[in-house]
C-alpha atoms as a PDB file:
ATOM      1  CA  MET A   1      95.603  85.164  86.474  1.00  0.00           C
ATOM      2  CA  ARG A   2      93.723  88.427  86.660  1.00  0.00           C
ATOM      3  CA  ASP A   3      95.174  91.306  88.625  1.00  0.00           C
ATOM      4  CA  SER A   4      92.242  91.255  91.046  1.00  0.00           C
ATOM      5  CA  THR A   5      92.743  87.573  91.822  1.00  0.00           C
ATOM      6  CA  LYS A   6      96.483  88.058  92.142  1.00  0.00           C
ATOM      7  CA  ASP A   7      96.039  90.974  94.570  1.00  0.00           C
ATOM      8  CA  LYS A   8      93.557  89.004  96.645  1.00  0.00           C
ATOM      9  CA  ALA A   9      95.852  85.968  96.827  1.00  0.00           C
ATOM     10  CA  GLU A  10      98.947  87.993  97.667  1.00  0.00           C
ATOM     11  CA  GLY A  11      96.968  89.986 100.208  1.00  0.00           C
ATOM     12  CA  LYS A  12      95.790  86.826 101.947  1.00  0.00           C
ATOM     13  CA  PHE A  13      99.370  85.505 101.995  1.00  0.00           C
ATOM     14  CA  HIS A  14     100.681  88.701 103.584  1.00  0.00           C
ATOM     15  CA  GLU A  15      97.813  88.756 106.066  1.00  0.00           C
ATOM     16  CA  ILE A  16      98.566  85.199 107.240  1.00  0.00           C
ATOM     17  CA  LYS A  17     102.316  85.833 107.290  1.00  0.00           C
ATOM     18  CA  GLY A  18     101.728  88.964 109.350  1.00  0.00           C
ATOM     19  CA  LYS A  19      99.545  87.102 111.849  1.00  0.00           C
ATOM     20  CA  VAL A  20     102.237  84.471 112.340  1.00  0.00           C
ATOM     21  CA  LYS A  21     104.949  87.105 112.698  1.00  0.00           C
ATOM     22  CA  GLU A  22     102.850  89.121 115.155  1.00  0.00           C
ATOM     23  CA  SER A  23     102.107  86.045 117.282  1.00  0.00           C
ATOM     24  CA  THR A  24     105.755  85.010 117.235  1.00  0.00           C
ATOM     25  CA  GLY A  25     106.851  88.474 118.329  1.00  0.00           C
ATOM     26  CA  LYS A  26     104.420  88.407 121.231  1.00  0.00           C
ATOM     27  CA  ALA A  27     105.474  84.870 122.211  1.00  0.00           C
ATOM     28  CA  ILE A  28     109.180  85.700 122.307  1.00  0.00           C
ATOM     29  CA  ASN A  29     108.492  89.099 123.852  1.00  0.00           C
ATOM     30  CA  ASN A  30     109.967  91.021 120.930  1.00  0.00           C
ATOM     31  CA  PRO A  31     107.811  94.099 120.256  1.00  0.00           C
ATOM     32  CA  LYS A  32     109.674  95.001 117.055  1.00  0.00           C
ATOM     33  CA  VAL A  33     108.739  91.688 115.409  1.00  0.00           C
ATOM     34  CA  ALA A  34     105.173  91.957 116.704  1.00  0.00           C
ATOM     35  CA  ILE A  35     104.797  95.440 115.232  1.00  0.00           C
ATOM     36  CA  GLU A  36     106.264  94.342 111.886  1.00  0.00           C
ATOM     37  CA  GLY A  37     103.802  91.445 111.821  1.00  0.00           C
ATOM     38  CA  HIS A  38     100.875  93.690 112.608  1.00  0.00           C
ATOM     39  CA  SER A  39     101.911  96.100 109.848  1.00  0.00           C
ATOM     40  CA  GLU A  40     102.209  93.288 107.326  1.00  0.00           C
ATOM     41  CA  LYS A  41      98.810  91.925 108.366  1.00  0.00           C
ATOM     42  CA  VAL A  42      97.179  95.316 107.826  1.00  0.00           C
ATOM     43  CA  ALA A  43      98.936  95.733 104.466  1.00  0.00           C
ATOM     44  CA  GLY A  44      97.632  92.310 103.429  1.00  0.00           C
ATOM     45  CA  LYS A  45      94.072  93.295 104.320  1.00  0.00           C
ATOM     46  CA  ILE A  46      94.419  96.478 102.269  1.00  0.00           C
ATOM     47  CA  GLN A  47      95.790  94.537  99.306  1.00  0.00           C
ATOM     48  CA  LYS A  48      92.832  92.131  99.504  1.00  0.00           C
ATOM     49  CA  LYS A  49      90.440  95.101  99.438  1.00  0.00           C
ATOM     50  CA  VAL A  50      92.253  96.470  96.371  1.00  0.00           C
ATOM     51  CA  GLY A  51      91.695  93.106  94.680  1.00  0.00           C
ATOM     52  CA  ASP A  52      88.000  93.215  95.617  1.00  0.00           C
ATOM     53  CA  THR A  53      87.702  96.727  94.177  1.00  0.00           C
ATOM     54  CA  GLU A  54      89.480  95.736  90.965  1.00  0.00           C
ATOM     55  CA  LYS A  55      87.127  92.778  90.562  1.00  0.00           C
ATOM     56  CA  VAL A  56      84.087  95.050  90.832  1.00  0.00           C
ATOM     57  CA  LEU A  57      85.563  97.496  88.306  1.00  0.00           C
ATOM     58  CA  GLU A  58      86.352  94.695  85.820  1.00  0.00           C
ATOM     59  CA  LYS A  59      82.664  93.829  85.471  1.00  0.00           C
END
């Protein structure tokens, strides 16, 4: 698997995991968990963008 594909896949995983964690934190009224989830979601989006950039540079 190419690095760009790997980064995109891992980024999507972290983005989804972060969304779930953020929603769970809000549902149980735990701001710490919600903030951690939001941070992970943002990190996943950044990692996906890195994968997109790597794919463009590979061409």
